[in-house]
């Protein structure tokens, strides 16, 4: 894979019926995900970078869901 570190790709997941989109890039065996003001990263090995990016995106997406539930119930 001869991608430049400047190359980003779009990633999308569905969580509880809502879609979340982010951008990610791969740099020296690490996947970096950019979602709103958050940056998450993790190494990838046997698992492809897109799978790791989707996994990383679930964390901030779940926090958004939790905030929505908390503000809706108060």
PDB file of N, CA and C in Angstrom:
ATOM      1  N   UNK A   1       0.848  -1.166   0.000  1.00  0.00           N
ATOM      2  CA  UNK A   1       0.000   0.000   0.000  1.00  0.00           C
ATOM      3  C   UNK A   1       0.892   1.226   0.000  1.00  0.00           C
ATOM      4  N   UNK A   2       0.872   1.982  -1.054  1.00  0.00           N
ATOM      5  CA  UNK A   2       1.759   3.132  -1.205  1.00  0.00           C
ATOM      6  C   UNK A   2       1.022   4.447  -0.984  1.00  0.00           C
ATOM      7  N   UNK A   3       0.035   4.445  -0.098  1.00  0.00           N
ATOM      8  CA  UNK A   3      -0.730   5.665   0.174  1.00  0.00           C
ATOM      9  C   UNK A   3       0.101   6.666   0.951  1.00  0.00           C
ATOM     10  N   UNK A   4      -0.121   7.915   0.655  1.00  0.00           N
ATOM     11  CA  UNK A   4       0.497   8.993   1.403  1.00  0.00           C
ATOM     12  C   UNK A   4      -0.237   9.158   2.724  1.00  0.00           C
ATOM     13  N   UNK A   5       0.457   9.670   3.744  1.00  0.00           N
ATOM     14  CA  UNK A   5      -0.215   9.888   5.018  1.00  0.00           C
ATOM     15  C   UNK A   5      -1.273  10.975   4.907  1.00  0.00           C
ATOM     16  N   UNK A   6      -1.234  11.757   3.846  1.00  0.00           N
ATOM     17  CA  UNK A   6      -2.234  12.801   3.623  1.00  0.00           C
ATOM     18  C   UNK A   6      -3.545  12.233   3.075  1.00  0.00           C
ATOM     19  N   UNK A   7      -3.530  11.024   2.558  1.00  0.00           N
ATOM     20  CA  UNK A   7      -4.719  10.420   1.976  1.00  0.00           C
ATOM     21  C   UNK A   7      -5.672   9.981   3.073  1.00  0.00           C
ATOM     22  N   UNK A   8      -6.890  10.509   3.036  1.00  0.00           N
ATOM     23  CA  UNK A   8      -7.899  10.076   3.994  1.00  0.00           C
ATOM     24  C   UNK A   8      -9.040   9.423   3.242  1.00  0.00           C
ATOM     25  N   UNK A   9      -9.721   8.547   3.941  1.00  0.00           N
ATOM     26  CA  UNK A   9     -10.872   7.857   3.358  1.00  0.00           C
ATOM     27  C   UNK A   9     -12.065   8.059   4.281  1.00  0.00           C
ATOM     28  N   UNK A  10     -13.245   7.978   3.700  1.00  0.00           N
ATOM     29  CA  UNK A  10     -14.453   8.088   4.503  1.00  0.00           C
ATOM     30  C   UNK A  10     -14.821   6.727   5.061  1.00  0.00           C
ATOM     31  N   UNK A  11     -15.355   6.742   6.271  1.00  0.00           N
ATOM     32  CA  UNK A  11     -15.823   5.524   6.919  1.00  0.00           C
ATOM     33  C   UNK A  11     -17.207   5.809   7.492  1.00  0.00           C
ATOM     34  N   UNK A  12     -18.058   4.798   7.493  1.00  0.00           N
ATOM     35  CA  UNK A  12     -19.409   4.985   8.009  1.00  0.00           C
ATOM     36  C   UNK A  12     -19.818   3.746   8.782  1.00  0.00           C
ATOM     37  N   UNK A  13     -20.479   3.969   9.924  1.00  0.00           N
ATOM     38  CA  UNK A  13     -21.041   2.848  10.680  1.00  0.00           C
ATOM     39  C   UNK A  13     -22.494   3.169  10.990  1.00  0.00           C
ATOM     40  N   UNK A  14     -23.236   2.133  11.329  1.00  0.00           N
ATOM     41  CA  UNK A  14     -24.614   2.309  11.785  1.00  0.00           C
ATOM     42  C   UNK A  14     -24.690   1.808  13.218  1.00  0.00           C
ATOM     43  N   UNK A  15     -25.246   2.649  14.085  1.00  0.00           N
ATOM     44  CA  UNK A  15     -25.365   2.305  15.494  1.00  0.00           C
ATOM     45  C   UNK A  15     -26.759   2.697  15.949  1.00  0.00           C
ATOM     46  N   UNK A  16     -27.530   1.730  16.388  1.00  0.00           N
ATOM     47  CA  UNK A  16     -28.910   1.959  16.834  1.00  0.00           C
ATOM     48  C   UNK A  16     -29.742   2.698  15.779  1.00  0.00           C
ATOM     49  N   UNK A  17     -29.551   2.332  14.539  1.00  0.00           N
ATOM     50  CA  UNK A  17     -30.339   2.906  13.459  1.00  0.00           C
ATOM     51  C   UNK A  17     -29.848   4.258  12.949  1.00  0.00           C
ATOM     52  N   UNK A  18     -28.796   4.813  13.548  1.00  0.00           N
ATOM     53  CA  UNK A  18     -28.241   6.090  13.100  1.00  0.00           C
ATOM     54  C   UNK A  18     -26.894   5.856  12.437  1.00  0.00           C
ATOM     55  N   UNK A  19     -26.614   6.645  11.407  1.00  0.00           N
ATOM     56  CA  UNK A  19     -25.342   6.521  10.699  1.00  0.00           C
ATOM     57  C   UNK A  19     -24.365   7.582  11.193  1.00  0.00           C
ATOM     58  N   UNK A  20     -23.127   7.155  11.373  1.00  0.00           N
ATOM     59  CA  UNK A  20     -22.050   8.043  11.787  1.00  0.00           C
ATOM     60  C   UNK A  20     -20.950   7.968  10.746  1.00  0.00           C
ATOM     61  N   UNK A  21     -20.463   9.132  10.332  1.00  0.00           N
ATOM     62  CA  UNK A  21     -19.402   9.198   9.330  1.00  0.00           C
ATOM     63  C   UNK A  21     -18.178   9.883   9.910  1.00  0.00           C
ATOM     64  N   UNK A  22     -17.029   9.409   9.475  1.00  0.00           N
ATOM     65  CA  UNK A  22     -15.761   9.983   9.898  1.00  0.00           C
ATOM     66  C   UNK A  22     -14.774   9.822   8.748  1.00  0.00           C
ATOM     67  N   UNK A  23     -13.581  10.307   8.957  1.00  0.00           N
ATOM     68  CA  UNK A  23     -12.499  10.119   7.999  1.00  0.00           C
ATOM     69  C   UNK A  23     -11.401   9.351   8.716  1.00  0.00           C
ATOM     70  N   UNK A  24     -10.648   8.569   7.954  1.00  0.00           N
ATOM     71  CA  UNK A  24      -9.517   7.866   8.553  1.00  0.00           C
ATOM     72  C   UNK A  24      -8.352   7.820   7.589  1.00  0.00           C
ATOM     73  N   UNK A  25      -7.181   7.621   8.150  1.00  0.00           N
ATOM     74  CA  UNK A  25      -5.973   7.439   7.347  1.00  0.00           C
ATOM     75  C   UNK A  25      -5.138   6.339   7.970  1.00  0.00           C
ATOM     76  N   UNK A  26      -4.237   5.792   7.175  1.00  0.00           N
ATOM     77  CA  UNK A  26      -3.347   4.737   7.636  1.00  0.00           C
ATOM     78  C   UNK A  26      -1.926   5.279   7.561  1.00  0.00           C
ATOM     79  N   UNK A  27      -1.196   5.140   8.670  1.00  0.00           N
ATOM     80  CA  UNK A  27       0.165   5.654   8.739  1.00  0.00           C
ATOM     81  C   UNK A  27       1.037   4.660   9.498  1.00  0.00           C
ATOM     82  N   UNK A  28       1.951   4.042   8.812  1.00  0.00           N
ATOM     83  CA  UNK A  28       2.922   3.116   9.422  1.00  0.00           C
ATOM     84  C   UNK A  28       2.287   2.082  10.339  1.00  0.00           C
ATOM     85  N   UNK A  29       1.287   1.387   9.857  1.00  0.00           N
ATOM     86  CA  UNK A  29       0.659   0.325  10.648  1.00  0.00           C
ATOM     87  C   UNK A  29      -0.336   0.806  11.683  1.00  0.00           C
ATOM     88  N   UNK A  30      -0.679   2.088  11.646  1.00  0.00           N
ATOM     89  CA  UNK A  30      -1.636   2.660  12.578  1.00  0.00           C
ATOM     90  C   UNK A  30      -2.801   3.264  11.811  1.00  0.00           C
ATOM     91  N   UNK A  31      -4.006   3.042  12.309  1.00  0.00           N
ATOM     92  CA  UNK A  31      -5.209   3.648  11.738  1.00  0.00           C
ATOM     93  C   UNK A  31      -5.569   4.848  12.616  1.00  0.00           C
ATOM     94  N   UNK A  32      -5.788   5.992  11.994  1.00  0.00           N
ATOM     95  CA  UNK A  32      -6.150   7.216  12.711  1.00  0.00           C
ATOM     96  C   UNK A  32      -7.521   7.646  12.220  1.00  0.00           C
ATOM     97  N   UNK A  33      -8.479   7.782  13.145  1.00  0.00           N
ATOM     98  CA  UNK A  33      -9.857   8.154  12.806  1.00  0.00           C
ATOM     99  C   UNK A  33     -10.135   9.561  13.325  1.00  0.00           C
ATOM    100  N   UNK A  34     -10.725  10.383  12.465  1.00  0.00           N
ATOM    101  CA  UNK A  34     -11.090  11.757  12.802  1.00  0.00           C
ATOM    102  C   UNK A  34     -12.607  11.854  12.792  1.00  0.00           C
ATOM    103  N   UNK A  35     -13.200  12.086  13.956  1.00  0.00           N
ATOM    104  CA  UNK A  35     -14.648  12.223  14.080  1.00  0.00           C
ATOM    105  C   UNK A  35     -14.923  13.503  14.846  1.00  0.00           C
ATOM    106  N   UNK A  36     -15.548  14.458  14.191  1.00  0.00           N
ATOM    107  CA  UNK A  36     -15.812  15.772  14.764  1.00  0.00           C
ATOM    108  C   UNK A  36     -14.515  16.315  15.361  1.00  0.00           C
ATOM    109  N   UNK A  37     -14.460  16.562  16.659  1.00  0.00           N
ATOM    110  CA  UNK A  37     -13.242  17.116  17.254  1.00  0.00           C
ATOM    111  C   UNK A  37     -12.366  16.030  17.886  1.00  0.00           C
ATOM    112  N   UNK A  38     -12.718  14.771  17.690  1.00  0.00           N
ATOM    113  CA  UNK A  38     -11.974  13.675  18.306  1.00  0.00           C
ATOM    114  C   UNK A  38     -11.051  12.987  17.315  1.00  0.00           C
ATOM    115  N   UNK A  39      -9.940  12.504  17.845  1.00  0.00           N
ATOM    116  CA  UNK A  39      -9.002  11.702  17.071  1.00  0.00           C
ATOM    117  C   UNK A  39      -8.766  10.420  17.863  1.00  0.00           C
ATOM    118  N   UNK A  40      -8.969   9.288  17.223  1.00  0.00           N
ATOM    119  CA  UNK A  40      -8.748   7.978  17.838  1.00  0.00           C
ATOM    120  C   UNK A  40      -7.755   7.231  16.947  1.00  0.00           C
ATOM    121  N   UNK A  41      -6.901   6.412  17.559  1.00  0.00           N
ATOM    122  CA  UNK A  41      -5.960   5.650  16.749  1.00  0.00           C
ATOM    123  C   UNK A  41      -5.667   4.308  17.384  1.00  0.00           C
ATOM    124  N   UNK A  42      -5.286   3.364  16.544  1.00  0.00           N
ATOM    125  CA  UNK A  42      -4.918   2.021  17.001  1.00  0.00           C
ATOM    126  C   UNK A  42      -4.087   1.352  15.916  1.00  0.00           C
ATOM    127  N   UNK A  43      -3.253   0.435  16.343  1.00  0.00           N
ATOM    128  CA  UNK A  43      -2.473  -0.354  15.389  1.00  0.00           C
ATOM    129  C   UNK A  43      -3.368  -1.377  14.724  1.00  0.00           C
ATOM    130  N   UNK A  44      -3.020  -1.741  13.517  1.00  0.00           N
ATOM    131  CA  UNK A  44      -3.725  -2.837  12.860  1.00  0.00           C
ATOM    132  C   UNK A  44      -2.688  -3.859  12.434  1.00  0.00           C
ATOM    133  N   UNK A  45      -3.105  -5.097  12.424  1.00  0.00           N
ATOM    134  CA  UNK A  45      -2.194  -6.169  12.039  1.00  0.00           C
ATOM    135  C   UNK A  45      -2.885  -7.046  11.024  1.00  0.00           C
ATOM    136  N   UNK A  46      -3.375  -8.175  11.488  1.00  0.00           N
ATOM    137  CA  UNK A  46      -4.062  -9.112  10.605  1.00  0.00           C
ATOM    138  C   UNK A  46      -5.420  -8.566  10.175  1.00  0.00           C
ATOM    139  N   UNK A  47      -5.991  -7.688  10.996  1.00  0.00           N
ATOM    140  CA  UNK A  47      -7.279  -7.079  10.682  1.00  0.00           C
ATOM    141  C   UNK A  47      -7.034  -5.898   9.761  1.00  0.00           C
ATOM    142  N   UNK A  48      -7.856  -5.765   8.735  1.00  0.00           N
ATOM    143  CA  UNK A  48      -7.680  -4.673   7.786  1.00  0.00           C
ATOM    144  C   UNK A  48      -7.916  -3.303   8.404  1.00  0.00           C
ATOM    145  N   UNK A  49      -7.301  -2.262   7.854  1.00  0.00           N
ATOM    146  CA  UNK A  49      -7.435  -0.918   8.408  1.00  0.00           C
ATOM    147  C   UNK A  49      -8.870  -0.409   8.440  1.00  0.00           C
ATOM    148  N   UNK A  50      -9.691  -0.755   7.465  1.00  0.00           N
ATOM    149  CA  UNK A  50     -11.079  -0.278   7.450  1.00  0.00           C
ATOM    150  C   UNK A  50     -11.873  -0.865   8.616  1.00  0.00           C
ATOM    151  N   UNK A  51     -11.629  -2.118   8.935  1.00  0.00           N
ATOM    152  CA  UNK A  51     -12.316  -2.762  10.066  1.00  0.00           C
ATOM    153  C   UNK A  51     -11.907  -2.082  11.373  1.00  0.00           C
ATOM    154  N   UNK A  52     -10.630  -1.794  11.523  1.00  0.00           N
ATOM    155  CA  UNK A  52     -10.144  -1.118  12.727  1.00  0.00           C
ATOM    156  C   UNK A  52     -10.729   0.289  12.806  1.00  0.00           C
ATOM    157  N   UNK A  53     -10.813   0.985  11.671  1.00  0.00           N
ATOM    158  CA  UNK A  53     -11.386   2.332  11.649  1.00  0.00           C
ATOM    159  C   UNK A  53     -12.850   2.306  12.091  1.00  0.00           C
ATOM    160  N   UNK A  54     -13.609   1.334  11.622  1.00  0.00           N
ATOM    161  CA  UNK A  54     -15.011   1.219  12.038  1.00  0.00           C
ATOM    162  C   UNK A  54     -15.110   0.947  13.530  1.00  0.00           C
ATOM    163  N   UNK A  55     -14.233   0.096  14.039  1.00  0.00           N
ATOM    164  CA  UNK A  55     -14.218  -0.210  15.463  1.00  0.00           C
ATOM    165  C   UNK A  55     -13.896   1.049  16.268  1.00  0.00           C
ATOM    166  N   UNK A  56     -12.926   1.820  15.808  1.00  0.00           N
ATOM    167  CA  UNK A  56     -12.565   3.052  16.505  1.00  0.00           C
ATOM    168  C   UNK A  56     -13.702   4.064  16.494  1.00  0.00           C
ATOM    169  N   UNK A  57     -14.456   4.127  15.428  1.00  0.00           N
ATOM    170  CA  UNK A  57     -15.556   5.076  15.312  1.00  0.00           C
ATOM    171  C   UNK A  57     -16.711   4.737  16.253  1.00  0.00           C
ATOM    172  N   UNK A  58     -16.833   3.485  16.659  1.00  0.00           N
ATOM    173  CA  UNK A  58     -17.949   3.122  17.547  1.00  0.00           C
ATOM    174  C   UNK A  58     -17.858   3.811  18.909  1.00  0.00           C
ATOM    175  N   UNK A  59     -16.652   4.065  19.405  1.00  0.00           N
ATOM    176  CA  UNK A  59     -16.505   4.685  20.722  1.00  0.00           C
ATOM    177  C   UNK A  59     -17.097   6.097  20.776  1.00  0.00           C
ATOM    178  N   UNK A  60     -16.672   7.026  19.921  1.00  0.00           N
ATOM    179  CA  UNK A  60     -17.292   8.360  19.986  1.00  0.00           C
ATOM    180  C   UNK A  60     -18.771   8.331  19.598  1.00  0.00           C
ATOM    181  N   UNK A  61     -19.163   7.412  18.743  1.00  0.00           N
ATOM    182  CA  UNK A  61     -20.568   7.303  18.352  1.00  0.00           C
ATOM    183  C   UNK A  61     -21.431   6.891  19.537  1.00  0.00           C
ATOM    184  N   UNK A  62     -20.925   5.978  20.347  1.00  0.00           N
ATOM    185  CA  UNK A  62     -21.663   5.557  21.543  1.00  0.00           C
ATOM    186  C   UNK A  62     -21.780   6.692  22.549  1.00  0.00           C
ATOM    187  N   UNK A  63     -20.742   7.528  22.639  1.00  0.00           N
ATOM    188  CA  UNK A  63     -20.820   8.677  23.539  1.00  0.00           C
ATOM    189  C   UNK A  63     -21.883   9.661  23.076  1.00  0.00           C
ATOM    190  N   UNK A  64     -22.004   9.860  21.772  1.00  0.00           N
ATOM    191  CA  UNK A  64     -23.052  10.732  21.228  1.00  0.00           C
ATOM    192  C   UNK A  64     -24.412  10.162  21.582  1.00  0.00           C
ATOM    193  N   UNK A  65     -24.576   8.846  21.424  1.00  0.00           N
ATOM    194  CA  UNK A  65     -25.837   8.186  21.767  1.00  0.00           C
ATOM    195  C   UNK A  65     -26.157   8.369  23.251  1.00  0.00           C
ATOM    196  N   UNK A  66     -25.150   8.212  24.106  1.00  0.00           N
ATOM    197  CA  UNK A  66     -25.365   8.352  25.550  1.00  0.00           C
ATOM    198  C   UNK A  66     -25.775   9.780  25.902  1.00  0.00           C
ATOM    199  N   UNK A  67     -25.152  10.764  25.268  1.00  0.00           N
ATOM    200  CA  UNK A  67     -25.514  12.163  25.513  1.00  0.00           C
ATOM    201  C   UNK A  67     -26.955  12.424  25.098  1.00  0.00           C
ATOM    202  N   UNK A  68     -27.357  11.851  23.965  1.00  0.00           N
ATOM    203  CA  UNK A  68     -28.735  12.034  23.489  1.00  0.00           C
ATOM    204  C   UNK A  68     -29.722  11.427  24.472  1.00  0.00           C
ATOM    205  N   UNK A  69     -29.425  10.227  24.981  1.00  0.00           N
ATOM    206  CA  UNK A  69     -30.317   9.580  25.954  1.00  0.00           C
ATOM    207  C   UNK A  69     -30.381  10.393  27.239  1.00  0.00           C
ATOM    208  N   UNK A  70     -29.241  10.870  27.704  1.00  0.00           N
ATOM    209  CA  UNK A  70     -29.190  11.620  28.959  1.00  0.00           C
ATOM    210  C   UNK A  70     -29.944  12.936  28.836  1.00  0.00           C
ATOM    211  N   UNK A  71     -29.768  13.667  27.755  1.00  0.00           N
ATOM    212  CA  UNK A  71     -30.460  14.947  27.578  1.00  0.00           C
ATOM    213  C   UNK A  71     -31.947  14.754  27.306  1.00  0.00           C
ATOM    214  N   UNK A  72     -32.318  13.632  26.723  1.00  0.00           N
ATOM    215  CA  UNK A  72     -33.721  13.348  26.434  1.00  0.00           C
ATOM    216  C   UNK A  72     -34.500  12.917  27.671  1.00  0.00           C
ATOM    217  N   UNK A  73     -33.800  12.375  28.657  1.00  0.00           N
ATOM    218  CA  UNK A  73     -34.505  11.875  29.842  1.00  0.00           C
ATOM    219  C   UNK A  73     -34.533  12.892  30.974  1.00  0.00           C
ATOM    220  N   UNK A  74     -33.795  14.025  30.850  1.00  0.00           N
ATOM    221  CA  UNK A  74     -33.700  14.956  31.956  1.00  0.00           C
ATOM    222  C   UNK A  74     -34.544  16.134  31.758  1.00  0.00           C
TER     223      UNK A  74
END
